Protein backbone atom coordinates (compact mmCIF):
# COMPACT_ATOMS: atom_id res chain seq x y z
CA UNK A 1 16.98 -40.01 29.18
CA UNK A 2 16.95 -43.65 28.09
CA UNK A 3 18.50 -44.93 24.89
CA UNK A 4 14.99 -45.64 23.59
CA UNK A 5 14.00 -42.01 24.13
CA UNK A 6 17.19 -40.81 22.43
CA UNK A 7 16.40 -42.96 19.38
CA UNK A 8 12.82 -41.62 19.26
CA UNK A 9 14.08 -38.07 19.50
CA UNK A 10 16.61 -38.66 16.72
CA UNK A 11 13.84 -40.15 14.58
CA UNK A 12 11.66 -37.07 15.12
CA UNK A 13 14.54 -34.80 14.11
CA UNK A 14 15.15 -36.86 10.96
CA UNK A 15 11.50 -36.72 9.98
CA UNK A 16 11.41 -32.98 10.60
CA UNK A 17 14.52 -32.52 8.45
CA UNK A 18 12.95 -34.51 5.61
CA UNK A 19 9.76 -32.42 5.77
CA UNK A 20 11.75 -29.18 5.65
CA UNK A 21 13.83 -30.44 2.73
CA UNK A 22 10.67 -31.41 0.83
CA UNK A 23 9.11 -28.00 1.46
CA UNK A 24 12.26 -26.33 0.19
CA UNK A 25 12.30 -28.50 -2.95
CA UNK A 26 8.71 -27.59 -3.75
CA UNK A 27 9.33 -23.89 -3.20
CA UNK A 28 12.34 -23.81 -5.51
CA UNK A 29 10.30 -24.94 -8.49
CA UNK A 30 9.91 -22.28 -11.17
CA UNK A 31 6.59 -20.49 -10.57
CA UNK A 32 3.90 -21.01 -13.19
CA UNK A 33 0.61 -19.23 -13.75
CA UNK A 34 -1.89 -22.07 -13.81
CA UNK A 35 -5.05 -19.96 -13.55
CA UNK A 36 -7.03 -19.07 -16.64
CA UNK A 37 -8.37 -15.87 -15.06
CA UNK A 38 -6.89 -13.23 -12.79
CA UNK A 39 -8.23 -13.38 -9.23
CA UNK A 40 -7.92 -11.04 -6.25
CA UNK A 41 -5.23 -13.35 -4.88
CA UNK A 42 -2.96 -12.36 -7.77
CA UNK A 43 -2.78 -8.83 -6.37
CA UNK A 44 -2.44 -9.69 -2.71
CA UNK A 45 1.32 -10.14 -2.44
CA UNK A 46 1.34 -13.86 -1.64
CA UNK A 47 2.13 -16.98 -3.64
CA UNK A 48 -0.34 -16.14 -6.39
CA UNK A 49 1.29 -12.74 -6.86
CA UNK A 50 4.74 -14.28 -6.97
CA UNK A 51 3.59 -16.80 -9.56
CA UNK A 52 2.15 -14.00 -11.70
CA UNK A 53 5.24 -11.81 -11.39
CA UNK A 54 7.86 -14.52 -11.86
CA UNK A 55 5.93 -16.84 -14.16
CA UNK A 56 4.51 -14.20 -16.52
CA UNK A 57 5.93 -10.68 -16.16
CA UNK A 58 9.51 -11.68 -15.38
CA UNK A 59 9.44 -14.22 -18.18
CA UNK A 60 8.40 -11.49 -20.61
CA UNK A 61 10.63 -8.64 -19.39
CA UNK A 62 13.62 -10.44 -17.85
CA UNK A 63 16.84 -8.43 -17.55
CA UNK A 64 19.60 -8.24 -14.92
CA UNK A 65 18.04 -5.28 -13.11
CA UNK A 66 14.47 -6.58 -13.04
CA UNK A 67 15.63 -10.07 -12.11
CA UNK A 68 16.67 -8.76 -8.68
CA UNK A 69 12.95 -8.24 -7.87
CA UNK A 70 13.72 -5.52 -5.35
CA UNK A 71 11.27 -2.78 -4.31
CA UNK A 72 13.08 -0.40 -6.64
CA UNK A 73 15.62 -0.63 -9.44
CA UNK A 74 19.11 0.79 -8.89
CA UNK A 75 20.64 2.02 -12.15
CA UNK A 76 23.92 3.72 -13.03
CA UNK A 77 23.60 7.05 -14.86
CA UNK A 78 26.43 9.45 -15.78
CA UNK A 79 28.74 8.05 -13.14
CA UNK A 80 26.14 8.15 -10.36
CA UNK A 81 23.47 5.78 -9.07
CA UNK A 82 19.74 6.38 -9.20
CA UNK A 83 16.85 4.41 -7.74
CA UNK A 84 13.62 4.13 -9.72
CA UNK A 85 10.32 2.63 -8.62
CA UNK A 86 6.63 2.56 -9.51
CA UNK A 87 3.51 1.60 -7.58
CA UNK A 88 -0.29 1.66 -7.84
CA UNK A 89 -2.81 2.30 -5.07
CA UNK A 90 -6.37 0.97 -4.99
CA UNK A 91 -7.10 1.06 -1.26
CA UNK A 92 -10.68 0.80 -0.05
CA UNK A 93 -11.90 2.92 1.68
CA UNK A 94 -10.13 5.95 0.22
CA UNK A 95 -10.09 7.70 3.61
CA UNK A 96 -9.21 5.90 6.84
CA UNK A 97 -7.96 6.72 10.37
CA UNK A 98 -4.43 8.04 10.06
CA UNK A 99 -4.40 8.71 6.33
CA UNK A 100 -5.93 8.36 2.89
CA UNK A 101 -5.06 7.07 -0.57
CA UNK A 102 -3.17 10.30 -1.30
CA UNK A 103 -0.53 10.29 1.42
CA UNK A 104 -0.41 6.50 1.15
CA UNK A 105 0.62 6.82 -2.51
CA UNK A 106 3.32 9.39 -1.79
CA UNK A 107 4.69 7.64 1.29
CA UNK A 108 4.64 4.21 -0.31
CA UNK A 109 6.62 5.36 -3.34
CA UNK A 110 9.10 7.26 -1.21
CA UNK A 111 9.63 4.20 0.97
CA UNK A 112 10.41 1.96 -2.00
CA UNK A 113 13.19 4.41 -2.92
CA UNK A 114 14.39 4.73 0.67
CA UNK A 115 14.81 0.99 1.22
CA UNK A 116 16.92 0.94 -1.95
CA UNK A 117 19.32 3.26 -0.09
CA UNK A 118 18.29 6.38 -2.02
CA UNK A 119 17.30 9.93 -1.13
CA UNK A 120 13.93 10.53 -2.82
CA UNK A 121 13.82 13.45 -5.27
CA UNK A 122 10.90 13.39 -7.70
CA UNK A 123 7.54 11.68 -8.10
CA UNK A 124 4.97 11.28 -10.86
CA UNK A 125 1.27 10.80 -10.21
CA UNK A 126 -1.31 9.21 -12.50
CA UNK A 127 -5.02 9.33 -11.60
CA UNK A 128 -7.75 7.01 -12.85
CA UNK A 129 -11.03 8.64 -11.85
CA UNK A 130 -14.54 7.25 -12.05
CA UNK A 131 -17.24 9.35 -13.65
CA UNK A 132 -19.22 11.00 -10.84
CA UNK A 133 -16.35 11.04 -8.34
CA UNK A 134 -16.54 13.95 -5.92
CA UNK A 135 -14.30 16.89 -6.82
CA UNK A 136 -14.17 17.78 -3.11
CA UNK A 137 -12.78 14.32 -2.34
CA UNK A 138 -10.24 14.64 -5.15
CA UNK A 139 -9.16 18.01 -3.80
CA UNK A 140 -8.78 16.46 -0.33
CA UNK A 141 -6.66 13.63 -1.76
CA UNK A 142 -4.35 15.91 -3.74
CA UNK A 143 -3.92 18.21 -0.73
CA UNK A 144 -2.90 15.19 1.31
CA UNK A 145 -0.40 14.16 -1.38
CA UNK A 146 1.06 17.67 -1.51
CA UNK A 147 1.48 17.78 2.26
CA UNK A 148 3.16 14.36 2.34
CA UNK A 149 5.52 15.33 -0.47
CA UNK A 150 6.44 18.59 1.27
CA UNK A 151 7.18 16.77 4.53
CA UNK A 152 9.51 14.40 2.69
CA UNK A 153 11.19 17.13 0.63
CA UNK A 154 10.14 15.71 -2.75
CA UNK A 155 8.24 17.20 -5.69
CA UNK A 156 5.49 15.79 -7.90
CA UNK A 157 6.84 16.87 -11.29
CA UNK A 158 4.68 15.04 -13.85
CA UNK A 159 1.50 13.05 -14.10
CA UNK A 160 -1.56 11.96 -16.05
CA UNK A 161 -5.33 11.76 -15.63
CA UNK A 162 -7.89 9.38 -17.12
CA UNK A 163 -11.64 9.23 -16.46
CA UNK A 164 -13.60 5.99 -16.93
CA UNK A 165 -17.34 5.41 -17.05
CA UNK A 166 -19.38 5.16 -13.89
CA UNK A 167 -19.08 1.67 -12.43
CA UNK A 168 -15.75 0.97 -14.17
CA UNK A 169 -13.56 1.94 -11.20
CA UNK A 170 -13.85 2.46 -7.46
CA UNK A 171 -13.80 6.24 -7.31
CA UNK A 172 -10.07 6.90 -7.57
CA UNK A 173 -6.96 4.87 -8.32
CA UNK A 174 -3.47 6.38 -8.19
CA UNK A 175 -0.27 5.23 -9.87
CA UNK A 176 3.00 6.81 -8.82
CA UNK A 177 6.62 6.54 -9.85
CA UNK A 178 9.66 7.90 -8.07
CA UNK A 179 13.31 8.72 -8.65
CA UNK A 180 15.95 9.05 -5.97
CA UNK A 181 19.73 9.38 -5.80
CA UNK A 182 22.09 7.04 -3.92
CA UNK A 183 24.53 9.30 -2.09
CA UNK A 184 26.00 6.73 0.30
CA UNK A 185 28.48 4.05 -0.79
CA UNK A 186 26.05 1.34 0.27
CA UNK A 187 24.91 -1.78 -1.55
CA UNK A 188 21.69 -3.28 -0.28
CA UNK A 189 20.02 -6.47 -1.41
CA UNK A 190 19.53 -10.16 -0.82
CA UNK A 191 23.01 -10.82 -2.21
CA UNK A 192 24.46 -9.14 0.88
CA UNK A 193 22.55 -11.24 3.44
CA UNK A 194 24.70 -13.67 5.43
CA UNK A 195 24.17 -16.24 8.22
CA UNK A 196 24.67 -14.51 11.54
CA UNK A 197 22.89 -11.34 10.43
CA UNK A 198 20.24 -9.90 12.74
CA UNK A 199 16.67 -9.29 11.56
CA UNK A 200 15.20 -6.05 12.92
CA UNK A 201 11.72 -4.59 12.61
CA UNK A 202 11.43 -0.81 13.01
CA UNK A 203 8.27 -0.84 15.12
CA UNK A 204 4.90 -2.49 15.87
CA UNK A 205 3.48 -4.42 12.93
CA UNK A 206 0.00 -4.78 11.46
CA UNK A 207 -1.39 -1.31 12.23
CA UNK A 208 -2.26 -0.35 8.65
CA UNK A 209 -3.95 -3.55 7.52
CA UNK A 210 -6.11 -3.82 10.63
CA UNK A 211 -7.05 -0.13 10.40
CA UNK A 212 -8.27 -0.61 6.82
CA UNK A 213 -10.28 -3.70 7.69
CA UNK A 214 -12.05 -1.97 10.59
CA UNK A 215 -12.62 1.20 8.52
CA UNK A 216 -14.61 -0.79 5.98
CA UNK A 217 -17.31 -1.28 8.59
CA UNK A 218 -17.83 -4.91 7.64
CA UNK A 219 -17.04 -6.15 11.14
CA UNK A 220 -18.51 -5.25 14.50
CA UNK A 221 -15.12 -4.30 15.92
CA UNK A 222 -14.15 -1.09 17.68
CA UNK A 223 -10.48 -0.45 18.34
CA UNK A 224 -8.24 2.57 18.79
CA UNK A 225 -5.97 1.80 15.83
CA UNK A 226 -4.70 4.13 13.12
CA UNK A 227 -2.66 3.48 10.02
CA UNK A 228 1.10 3.75 10.40
CA UNK A 229 1.51 5.32 6.93
CA UNK A 230 4.64 7.47 6.95
CA UNK A 231 7.66 8.32 4.84
CA UNK A 232 10.69 6.46 6.16
CA UNK A 233 13.52 8.59 4.77
CA UNK A 234 14.40 10.10 8.14
CA UNK A 235 14.53 6.93 10.21
CA UNK A 236 16.30 4.93 7.49
CA UNK A 237 18.82 7.75 7.08
CA UNK A 238 19.51 7.65 10.82
CA UNK A 239 20.16 3.91 10.60
CA UNK A 240 22.47 4.15 7.59
CA UNK A 241 24.41 7.03 9.19
CA UNK A 242 24.94 5.05 12.41
CA UNK A 243 25.65 1.57 11.02
CA UNK A 244 27.77 0.74 7.99
CA UNK A 245 26.92 -2.98 8.05
CA UNK A 246 23.28 -2.77 6.88
CA UNK A 247 22.80 -5.54 4.32
CA UNK A 248 19.14 -5.23 3.33
CA UNK A 249 16.09 -3.03 3.86
CA UNK A 250 12.49 -3.85 2.92
CA UNK A 251 9.23 -2.11 3.78
CA UNK A 252 6.67 -4.61 5.01
CA UNK A 253 3.62 -3.73 2.91
CA UNK A 254 1.49 -6.37 1.11
CA UNK A 255 1.85 -9.72 2.80
CA UNK A 256 3.47 -8.22 5.88
CA UNK A 257 6.68 -9.23 7.64
CA UNK A 258 6.18 -12.94 6.92
CA UNK A 259 6.15 -12.42 3.15
CA UNK A 260 9.20 -10.14 3.22
CA UNK A 261 11.23 -12.67 5.21
CA UNK A 262 10.21 -15.50 2.89
CA UNK A 263 11.32 -13.46 -0.12
CA UNK A 264 14.69 -12.82 1.55
CA UNK A 265 15.18 -16.45 2.59
CA UNK A 266 14.45 -17.76 -0.91
CA UNK A 267 16.49 -15.19 -2.78
CA UNK A 268 19.52 -15.35 -0.47
CA UNK A 269 19.31 -19.15 -0.02
CA UNK A 270 19.45 -18.79 3.76
CA UNK A 271 17.24 -19.67 6.67
CA UNK A 272 15.54 -17.10 8.90
CA UNK A 273 14.55 -17.91 12.47
CA UNK A 274 12.34 -15.42 14.32
CA UNK A 275 11.15 -15.29 17.92
CA UNK A 276 7.41 -14.81 18.43
CA UNK A 277 7.90 -13.12 21.81
CA UNK A 278 10.24 -10.50 20.30
CA UNK A 279 7.85 -9.28 17.59
CA UNK A 280 6.27 -5.93 18.55
CA UNK A 281 2.48 -5.91 18.08
CA UNK A 282 0.14 -3.41 19.70
CA UNK A 283 -2.41 -5.07 22.05
CA UNK A 284 -5.33 -3.62 20.04
CA UNK A 285 -3.89 -5.01 16.79
CA UNK A 286 -3.24 -8.38 18.40
CA UNK A 287 -6.79 -8.50 19.72
CA UNK A 288 -8.31 -7.53 16.37
CA UNK A 289 -6.23 -10.15 14.59
CA UNK A 290 -7.43 -12.81 17.01
CA UNK A 291 -11.05 -11.85 16.31
CA UNK A 292 -10.39 -11.89 12.55
CA UNK A 293 -8.51 -15.18 12.74
CA UNK A 294 -5.37 -13.84 11.10
CA UNK A 295 -1.69 -13.69 12.03
CA UNK A 296 -0.20 -10.18 12.49
CA UNK A 297 2.91 -11.40 10.66
CA UNK A 298 0.90 -11.36 7.42
CA UNK A 299 -0.79 -7.99 7.94
CA UNK A 300 0.47 -5.03 5.92
CA UNK A 301 2.38 -2.12 7.38
CA UNK A 302 2.91 1.24 5.64
CA UNK A 303 5.37 2.85 8.01
CA UNK A 304 7.53 -0.06 9.13
CA UNK A 305 10.50 -1.75 7.55
CA UNK A 306 12.69 -4.79 8.00
CA UNK A 307 16.44 -4.29 8.31
CA UNK A 308 18.97 -7.10 8.03
CA UNK A 309 22.29 -6.07 9.56
CA UNK A 310 25.52 -7.73 10.57
CA UNK A 311 24.80 -9.39 13.92
CA UNK A 312 27.70 -7.60 15.57
CA UNK A 313 25.99 -4.25 14.89
CA UNK A 314 22.48 -5.23 15.98
CA UNK A 315 22.53 -3.24 19.24
CA UNK A 316 23.86 -0.14 17.49
CA UNK A 317 21.21 -0.45 14.80
CA UNK A 318 18.37 -0.75 17.31
CA UNK A 319 19.73 2.19 19.30
CA UNK A 320 19.84 4.36 16.16
CA UNK A 321 16.27 3.42 15.25
CA UNK A 322 14.89 3.99 18.75
CA UNK A 323 16.40 7.49 18.77
CA UNK A 324 13.99 8.42 15.93
CA UNK A 325 10.23 8.90 16.51
CA UNK A 326 9.36 6.34 13.82
CA UNK A 327 11.63 3.70 15.35
CA UNK A 328 10.95 4.03 19.08
CA UNK A 329 9.83 0.40 19.39
CA UNK A 330 12.38 -1.17 17.04
CA UNK A 331 13.43 -4.68 18.00
CA UNK A 332 15.59 -7.59 16.92
CA UNK A 333 13.08 -10.30 16.04
CA UNK A 334 15.39 -13.01 14.72
CA UNK A 335 18.54 -14.04 12.91
CA UNK A 336 19.70 -15.35 9.57
CA UNK A 337 20.97 -18.94 9.59
CA UNK A 338 22.57 -21.20 7.03
CA UNK A 339 19.97 -23.91 7.65
CA UNK A 340 17.26 -24.60 6.55
CA UNK A 341 17.92 -22.63 3.35
CA UNK A 342 14.92 -20.90 1.84
CA UNK A 343 12.68 -21.27 4.89
CA UNK A 344 11.43 -19.02 7.69
CA UNK A 345 10.90 -20.65 11.08
CA UNK A 346 9.10 -19.18 14.08
CA UNK A 347 10.00 -20.09 17.64
CA UNK A 348 6.64 -19.86 19.35
CA UNK A 349 5.86 -18.49 22.79
CA UNK A 350 5.15 -22.07 23.88
CA UNK A 351 8.63 -23.31 22.99
CA UNK A 352 7.77 -24.99 19.69
CA UNK A 353 8.86 -24.24 16.15
CA UNK A 354 6.75 -23.89 13.02
CA UNK A 355 7.30 -22.94 9.39
CA UNK A 356 6.13 -19.46 8.43
CA UNK A 357 5.15 -19.88 4.79
CA UNK A 358 3.94 -17.38 2.22
CA UNK A 359 0.16 -17.30 1.91
CA UNK A 360 -1.54 -17.90 -1.43
CA UNK A 361 -3.38 -14.60 -1.18
CA UNK A 362 -3.89 -11.96 1.49
CA UNK A 363 -6.43 -12.18 4.33
CA UNK A 364 -7.04 -8.42 3.95
CA UNK A 365 -7.39 -7.46 0.25
CA UNK A 366 -7.22 -3.89 -1.12
CA UNK A 367 -5.12 -2.52 1.74
CA UNK A 368 -2.93 -0.27 -0.42
């Protein structure tokens, strides 16, 4: 390589560094809600959601526990530790290949407790029903919830029901809350993430979001894809029993893996570099995403999670996950770095590198 080429290459690296630094500066600004009206993007898990949560709700309710912005709150009670979480489900359609709004609500709430390091114990369930909604469909939904709760060893112990006028809802909405107990001496969260950590995904991504989109019948696509909705207590327990150096767990729901990793990078002030060729995606999901013009990294999962573990324990972690039916295709997809802080970079299959940013909204709305 000539000196001229070396200078050009150094110039390219400098320009790239300046661009990354500028992106990071912009992303560290305090979020503000600039819209005068709520849009669908505000509920999609992307930048608009973050602006709403951090620029409005967090500003109103700020406290040390809420400020962590984890999937669930960990609180100390009578010398022990409990995890507490709440979630709402507005998926359309209500019934889809592999599940329905009922088991989705139970599994999703359980998983928020599980990734906090807790053993789920009790759930609440609130129903908002539209006048004219089918009692048979409601019975089918509650039976699905009961079966999911039984499989996970939890109980629905309280709840509420409201009925609104015809046309004021979309059949059935469900809000759930959950309580679990932390029995292991483990502390999980972005504060534990360190450069050198490995980033692991528990299995193929994008199944749920693509299933929902196809189930709506809006696209002329046929594919053998079912939702991955599942309670993760068993596979997460296997991981925590096998590896003591787990630093963070997150289920990759709204916004997918890309959004989760961006949240981690910003909160922990680290960089995350992932390898496109290492990310497990089913061929049918990949093909559907290509037809839809979306990236599987941004598509929601309901039975997959991200684990950040000490790099020295990555092989042990993957082995523990693959020994469980819900983790058979677990893989290390990247690593935590000290640079560039706050950003997620993807090493592409073609040898390039690009920034994986958080989307403003979600390409697939109403997926949970």
